[in-house]
Amino acid sequence: QVQLVESGGGSVQAGGSLKLSCVASGFRISGCGMAWYRQAPGKERDLVSRIDDMGTTYYADSVKGRFTISRLNDMNTLNLQMNRLKTEDTAVYFCRALCQINAWGQGTQVTVSS
């Protein structure tokens, strides 16, 4: 059974940092593209960052230079380091396995206050 479990969310002030983690089970992430999405209240779920199985990364313009995605294949874990957080980064953050059908985590709340 494929499972993705996010952690690391919380409340921080603008300018602060958080590190999100996503632990996968039921499959190996080593051959799988992985991604982080986020959904703010009343808005659609948007792609934040993606990393393929070779380590090539993509970032949305809104987070480029502030967020860093990484993967620890031996720990079956996906991370997202978020620095210089802004109030507009407030959202529920979801982990997704791109090689699995409809494989999403339950989400972790990130709240950034001014």
Protein backbone atom coordinates (compact mmCIF):
# COMPACT_ATOMS: atom_id res chain seq x y z
CA GLN A 1 0.00 0.00 0.00
CA VAL A 2 1.44 3.32 -1.11
CA GLN A 3 1.59 5.93 1.64
CA LEU A 4 3.08 9.40 1.87
CA VAL A 5 3.29 11.12 5.23
CA GLU A 6 4.30 14.77 5.47
CA SER A 7 5.65 16.50 8.54
CA GLY A 8 7.42 19.71 9.50
CA GLY A 9 4.69 22.26 9.01
CA GLY A 10 3.96 24.93 11.56
CA SER A 11 3.61 28.63 12.23
CA VAL A 12 6.46 31.04 11.62
CA GLN A 13 6.95 34.73 11.13
CA ALA A 14 7.77 36.16 7.74
CA GLY A 15 11.44 35.73 6.99
CA GLY A 16 11.65 32.50 8.91
CA SER A 17 12.36 28.97 7.77
CA LEU A 18 10.73 25.57 7.87
CA LYS A 19 11.73 22.16 6.57
CA LEU A 20 9.07 19.80 5.35
CA SER A 21 9.63 16.07 5.04
CA CYS A 22 7.65 13.37 3.29
CA VAL A 23 8.27 9.73 4.13
CA ALA A 24 7.11 7.21 1.56
CA SER A 25 6.16 3.60 2.13
CA GLY A 26 4.89 0.85 -0.12
CA PHE A 27 7.26 1.74 -2.96
CA ARG A 28 10.78 3.04 -3.50
CA ILE A 29 11.15 6.72 -4.40
CA SER A 30 14.53 6.10 -6.04
CA GLY A 31 13.02 5.59 -9.48
CA CYS A 32 10.20 8.03 -9.06
CA GLY A 33 9.71 11.70 -9.73
CA MET A 34 8.50 13.45 -6.59
CA ALA A 35 6.87 16.80 -6.02
CA TRP A 36 5.54 19.27 -3.50
CA TYR A 37 2.25 21.05 -4.08
CA ARG A 38 0.42 23.59 -1.97
CA GLN A 39 -3.14 24.75 -1.61
CA ALA A 40 -4.16 28.01 0.00
CA PRO A 41 -7.73 28.53 1.25
CA GLY A 42 -10.11 29.05 -1.64
CA LYS A 43 -7.43 28.41 -4.24
CA GLU A 44 -6.37 25.53 -6.45
CA ARG A 45 -3.61 23.12 -5.58
CA ASP A 46 -0.44 24.36 -7.29
CA LEU A 47 2.92 22.79 -8.02
CA VAL A 48 5.66 24.25 -5.84
CA SER A 49 8.64 22.10 -6.78
CA ARG A 50 9.51 18.86 -8.49
CA ILE A 51 12.54 16.57 -8.60
CA ASP A 52 12.99 13.74 -11.07
CA ASP A 53 14.75 10.43 -10.50
CA MET A 54 18.05 11.92 -11.77
CA GLY A 55 17.86 14.85 -9.36
CA THR A 56 16.79 17.49 -11.86
CA THR A 57 14.69 20.10 -10.12
CA TYR A 58 11.96 22.55 -11.01
CA TYR A 59 10.65 25.44 -8.93
CA ALA A 60 7.67 27.69 -9.33
CA ASP A 61 8.75 31.28 -9.91
CA SER A 62 7.18 32.32 -6.62
CA VAL A 63 9.57 30.14 -4.59
CA LYS A 64 12.69 30.11 -6.75
CA GLY A 65 15.77 31.06 -4.75
CA ARG A 66 14.00 30.50 -1.42
CA PHE A 67 12.95 26.83 -1.45
CA THR A 68 15.13 23.78 -2.01
CA ILE A 69 13.78 20.33 -2.81
CA SER A 70 15.88 17.26 -2.10
CA ARG A 71 15.51 13.53 -1.89
CA LEU A 72 17.11 10.92 0.34
CA ASN A 73 16.54 7.74 -1.59
CA ASP A 74 18.06 5.48 1.04
CA MET A 75 15.61 6.88 3.58
CA ASN A 76 12.71 6.96 1.11
CA THR A 77 12.23 10.61 2.04
CA LEU A 78 11.52 13.82 0.16
CA ASN A 79 12.36 17.17 1.75
CA LEU A 80 11.52 20.80 1.11
CA GLN A 81 13.67 23.44 2.80
CA MET A 82 11.78 26.72 2.87
CA ASN A 83 13.68 29.90 3.67
CA ARG A 84 12.72 33.58 3.72
CA LEU A 85 9.09 32.61 4.06
CA LYS A 86 6.43 35.10 3.05
CA THR A 87 2.83 35.44 4.16
CA GLU A 88 1.75 34.31 0.71
CA ASP A 89 3.46 30.96 1.34
CA THR A 90 0.70 30.13 3.81
CA ALA A 91 -0.99 26.94 2.59
CA VAL A 92 -1.37 23.25 3.13
CA TYR A 93 1.63 21.53 1.56
CA PHE A 94 1.25 18.13 -0.06
CA CYS A 95 3.77 15.55 -1.17
CA ARG A 96 3.11 13.64 -4.37
CA ALA A 97 4.70 10.61 -6.03
CA LEU A 98 4.56 11.21 -9.77
CA CYS A 99 5.12 7.55 -10.67
CA GLN A 100 2.14 6.38 -8.64
CA ILE A 101 -1.50 6.88 -9.52
CA ASN A 102 -3.17 9.43 -7.25
CA ALA A 103 -0.45 9.16 -4.61
CA TRP A 104 -0.76 12.13 -2.29
CA GLY A 105 0.05 12.73 1.33
CA GLN A 106 -2.47 14.10 3.78
CA GLY A 107 -0.84 17.53 3.82
CA THR A 108 0.88 19.66 6.42
CA GLN A 109 -0.16 23.21 7.30
CA VAL A 110 2.30 26.06 6.90
CA THR A 111 1.25 29.42 8.32
CA VAL A 112 3.41 32.49 7.85
CA SER A 113 2.48 35.62 9.79
CA SER A 114 3.64 39.16 9.23
